[in-house]
Amino acid sequence: MTDYTFDLTNLSPEEAVVIRDNLREIIKEKSLKLAPPDKPFILTSGKTSTYYIDGKKTTCDPNGLFCLSMLILENIRNDRIEAVGGPTLGADPMVSGASLLSYLLGRPIPLFIVRKEAKKHGTQSLIEGAEISGKRVAVVEDVITTGGSALRAIDAIRAEGGEIVKMIALVDREQGGREAFEKAGVAYAPLFTISELLPLELRNPQ
């Protein structure tokens, strides 16, 4: 188990780098998978790829979730965020970890989760959890390719009156997501890009 001996309520830039470096190694060890020759992965977007990032292998790892939650909170420290949420299923552990850690650090931020579709009973809600109307919110997602799932969640949040301050991803595959968020008028801050995790020759073998 990694021993974090520094003050988590007031990280120095050097300490944040330690946490980020640890998270990078966890992603590479647990989440990054290479496809066998001539058997590419098929992604949610329909694209094929020589590699796959199973974000939940990192976000469901205790150390990975801790590091990720710390970096989310550091990223939004000065943004006056009033709620953190994202699309199920990728964002579920991320928002839970960030919200719980925010409470333990004395600056509680409630969480919400955006369903794939509105439930058909009870309140028939599309968004579960914290009230977001009129609130400044941060949106998170584990892996971004084209940004489609996150953009649908963003539309739902805006329809509920939430003000989206920032979009944070664990890993950006650099396949159009950044451009899509820019077009949607959303500030985007991926914690890692695939360029930082995997050499170009392994992403595009000759």
Protein backbone atom coordinates (compact mmCIF):
# COMPACT_ATOMS: atom_id res chain seq x y z
CA MET A 1 0.00 0.00 0.00
CA THR A 2 1.34 3.43 -0.92
CA ASP A 3 2.05 5.65 2.08
CA TYR A 4 0.97 9.24 1.46
CA THR A 5 2.59 11.16 4.29
CA PHE A 6 1.87 14.70 3.09
CA ASP A 7 -1.00 17.03 4.01
CA LEU A 8 -3.83 16.07 1.66
CA THR A 9 -5.77 19.25 2.42
CA ASN A 10 -3.01 21.44 0.99
CA LEU A 11 -0.97 19.64 -1.66
CA SER A 12 2.17 21.24 -3.01
CA PRO A 13 2.80 21.02 -6.78
CA GLU A 14 5.47 18.41 -6.06
CA GLU A 15 3.05 16.29 -4.03
CA ALA A 16 0.42 16.49 -6.75
CA VAL A 17 3.04 15.17 -9.19
CA VAL A 18 3.67 12.18 -6.90
CA ILE A 19 -0.04 11.32 -6.90
CA ARG A 20 -0.31 11.82 -10.66
CA ASP A 21 2.73 9.63 -11.34
CA ASN A 22 1.28 6.89 -9.15
CA LEU A 23 -2.06 7.09 -10.96
CA ARG A 24 -0.31 6.86 -14.33
CA GLU A 25 1.38 3.61 -13.29
CA ILE A 26 -1.90 2.17 -12.03
CA ILE A 27 -3.59 2.97 -15.36
CA LYS A 28 -0.77 1.37 -17.32
CA GLU A 29 -0.76 -1.72 -15.11
CA LYS A 30 -4.48 -2.30 -14.67
CA SER A 31 -6.40 -0.53 -17.44
CA LEU A 32 -4.31 -0.42 -20.60
CA LYS A 33 -4.72 -3.48 -22.81
CA LEU A 34 -3.14 -4.20 -26.22
CA ALA A 35 -5.11 -6.11 -28.83
CA PRO A 36 -3.75 -9.35 -30.29
CA PRO A 37 -2.43 -9.03 -33.86
CA ASP A 38 -5.26 -8.65 -36.41
CA LYS A 39 -7.91 -8.66 -33.66
CA PRO A 40 -8.56 -5.00 -32.83
CA PHE A 41 -10.90 -3.94 -30.07
CA ILE A 42 -14.30 -2.51 -31.01
CA LEU A 43 -15.06 0.63 -29.00
CA THR A 44 -18.40 2.03 -27.83
CA SER A 45 -18.11 4.66 -30.56
CA GLY A 46 -17.92 1.89 -33.19
CA LYS A 47 -14.29 2.65 -33.96
CA THR A 48 -11.68 -0.11 -33.88
CA SER A 49 -8.44 0.17 -31.97
CA THR A 50 -5.17 -1.65 -31.32
CA TYR A 51 -5.54 -0.84 -27.62
CA TYR A 52 -8.29 -0.59 -25.03
CA ILE A 53 -8.52 1.35 -21.79
CA ASP A 54 -10.70 -0.34 -19.19
CA GLY A 55 -11.05 2.70 -16.94
CA LYS A 56 -13.01 0.85 -14.27
CA LYS A 57 -9.99 -1.34 -13.50
CA THR A 58 -8.37 1.86 -12.21
CA THR A 59 -11.41 3.66 -10.79
CA CYS A 60 -12.46 0.55 -8.83
CA ASP A 61 -8.97 0.01 -7.42
CA PRO A 62 -8.68 1.63 -3.94
CA ASN A 63 -5.34 3.31 -4.63
CA GLY A 64 -6.38 4.30 -8.14
CA LEU A 65 -9.66 5.79 -6.93
CA PHE A 66 -7.91 7.69 -4.14
CA CYS A 67 -5.34 9.21 -6.52
CA LEU A 68 -8.02 10.02 -9.08
CA SER A 69 -10.28 11.61 -6.48
CA MET A 70 -7.43 13.73 -5.16
CA LEU A 71 -6.61 14.98 -8.65
CA ILE A 72 -10.25 15.78 -9.41
CA LEU A 73 -10.50 17.84 -6.23
CA GLU A 74 -7.20 19.59 -6.95
CA ASN A 75 -8.41 20.35 -10.47
CA ILE A 76 -11.59 22.04 -9.23
CA ARG A 77 -10.19 23.58 -6.04
CA ASN A 78 -10.65 27.16 -7.26
CA ASP A 79 -13.78 26.67 -9.38
CA ARG A 80 -16.44 27.01 -6.64
CA ILE A 81 -17.96 23.67 -7.67
CA GLU A 82 -21.25 22.84 -5.95
CA ALA A 83 -21.80 19.31 -7.31
CA VAL A 84 -19.83 16.68 -9.21
CA GLY A 85 -21.40 14.10 -11.51
CA GLY A 86 -21.26 12.23 -14.77
CA PRO A 87 -22.76 9.53 -16.96
CA THR A 88 -23.33 6.07 -15.59
CA LEU A 89 -21.46 3.67 -15.56
CA GLY A 90 -18.01 5.12 -16.13
CA ALA A 91 -18.42 8.07 -13.79
CA ASP A 92 -20.08 6.21 -10.91
CA PRO A 93 -16.97 5.29 -8.87
CA MET A 94 -15.29 8.58 -9.79
CA VAL A 95 -18.03 10.82 -8.41
CA SER A 96 -18.46 8.62 -5.34
CA GLY A 97 -14.74 8.77 -4.56
CA ALA A 98 -14.42 12.50 -5.17
CA SER A 99 -17.52 13.36 -3.13
CA LEU A 100 -16.54 11.16 -0.18
CA LEU A 101 -12.98 12.49 -0.16
CA SER A 102 -14.23 16.07 -0.35
CA TYR A 103 -16.21 15.44 2.85
CA LEU A 104 -13.22 13.90 4.61
CA LEU A 105 -11.11 16.91 3.62
CA GLY A 106 -13.65 19.34 5.03
CA ARG A 107 -15.06 20.79 1.80
CA PRO A 108 -18.03 18.51 0.97
CA ILE A 109 -19.27 18.40 -2.62
CA PRO A 110 -22.46 16.42 -3.30
CA LEU A 111 -22.67 14.03 -6.23
CA PHE A 112 -25.12 13.17 -8.97
CA ILE A 113 -25.31 10.49 -11.65
CA VAL A 114 -26.82 10.85 -15.11
CA ARG A 115 -28.80 7.80 -16.22
CA LYS A 116 -28.66 6.46 -19.78
CA GLU A 117 -32.40 7.04 -19.89
CA ALA A 118 -35.02 8.32 -17.46
CA LYS A 119 -36.36 5.68 -15.10
CA LYS A 120 -39.91 4.60 -15.84
CA HIS A 121 -41.22 4.67 -12.27
CA GLY A 122 -41.35 7.02 -9.30
CA THR A 123 -39.99 10.46 -10.17
CA GLN A 124 -38.95 9.30 -13.67
CA SER A 125 -35.67 11.13 -13.15
CA LEU A 126 -32.82 11.19 -15.63
CA ILE A 127 -30.44 12.64 -13.06
CA GLU A 128 -30.13 11.06 -9.62
CA GLY A 129 -28.61 12.54 -6.48
CA ALA A 130 -27.79 16.15 -5.72
CA GLU A 131 -30.02 18.98 -6.87
CA ILE A 132 -28.16 20.76 -9.68
CA SER A 133 -30.53 23.48 -10.87
CA GLY A 134 -28.66 26.78 -10.68
CA LYS A 135 -25.52 25.02 -9.37
CA ARG A 136 -21.95 25.12 -10.65
CA VAL A 137 -21.05 21.54 -11.54
CA ALA A 138 -18.06 19.52 -12.68
CA VAL A 139 -18.63 16.56 -15.00
CA VAL A 140 -16.34 13.52 -14.97
CA GLU A 141 -15.89 10.45 -17.16
CA ASP A 142 -13.33 7.65 -17.18
CA VAL A 143 -12.38 7.38 -20.87
CA ILE A 144 -13.14 9.84 -23.66
CA THR A 145 -13.02 8.86 -27.33
CA THR A 146 -15.44 11.03 -29.29
CA GLY A 147 -17.12 12.36 -26.15
CA GLY A 148 -20.57 11.12 -27.14
CA SER A 149 -21.69 9.75 -23.76
CA ALA A 150 -20.36 12.75 -21.87
CA LEU A 151 -22.05 15.17 -24.29
CA ARG A 152 -25.41 13.45 -23.78
CA ALA A 153 -24.92 13.83 -20.03
CA ILE A 154 -23.97 17.47 -20.52
CA ASP A 155 -27.20 18.09 -22.45
CA ALA A 156 -29.20 16.48 -19.62
CA ILE A 157 -27.41 18.55 -16.98
CA ARG A 158 -28.02 21.77 -18.86
CA ALA A 159 -31.68 20.82 -19.31
CA GLU A 160 -31.90 20.55 -15.50
CA GLY A 161 -30.40 24.02 -15.10
CA GLY A 162 -26.88 23.00 -14.10
CA GLU A 163 -23.99 25.30 -15.04
CA ILE A 164 -21.14 23.14 -16.32
CA VAL A 165 -17.85 24.67 -15.23
CA LYS A 166 -15.47 21.90 -16.25
CA MET A 167 -15.30 18.45 -17.83
CA ILE A 168 -12.64 16.10 -16.40
CA ALA A 169 -11.63 12.75 -17.87
CA LEU A 170 -9.30 10.09 -16.53
CA VAL A 171 -7.92 9.39 -20.03
CA ASP A 172 -8.50 11.12 -23.37
CA ARG A 173 -7.91 8.85 -26.36
CA GLU A 174 -7.37 11.97 -28.53
CA GLN A 175 -9.94 10.95 -31.11
CA GLY A 176 -12.18 13.99 -31.25
CA GLY A 177 -13.41 14.45 -27.70
CA ARG A 178 -11.53 17.68 -27.02
CA GLU A 179 -12.85 19.27 -30.21
CA ALA A 180 -16.41 18.15 -29.39
CA PHE A 181 -16.29 19.71 -25.92
CA GLU A 182 -14.83 22.91 -27.33
CA LYS A 183 -17.70 23.09 -29.82
CA ALA A 184 -20.16 22.53 -26.96
CA GLY A 185 -18.58 25.37 -24.98
CA VAL A 186 -17.29 23.14 -22.18
CA ALA A 187 -13.88 23.67 -20.54
CA TYR A 188 -12.08 20.33 -20.76
CA ALA A 189 -9.28 19.03 -18.51
CA PRO A 190 -8.27 15.39 -19.08
CA LEU A 191 -5.92 14.08 -16.42
CA PHE A 192 -4.04 11.99 -19.02
CA THR A 193 -3.94 11.69 -22.78
CA ILE A 194 -3.15 8.44 -24.54
CA SER A 195 0.07 10.08 -25.80
CA GLU A 196 1.30 10.10 -22.20
CA LEU A 197 0.51 6.42 -21.69
CA LEU A 198 1.28 4.57 -24.91
CA PRO A 199 3.94 5.13 -27.60
CA LEU A 200 2.69 6.13 -31.03
CA GLU A 201 4.03 2.98 -32.69
CA LEU A 202 1.84 0.81 -30.42
CA ARG A 203 -1.25 2.91 -31.17
CA ASN A 204 -0.65 2.86 -34.91
CA PRO A 205 1.44 -0.20 -35.74
CA GLN A 206 2.91 -0.36 -39.22
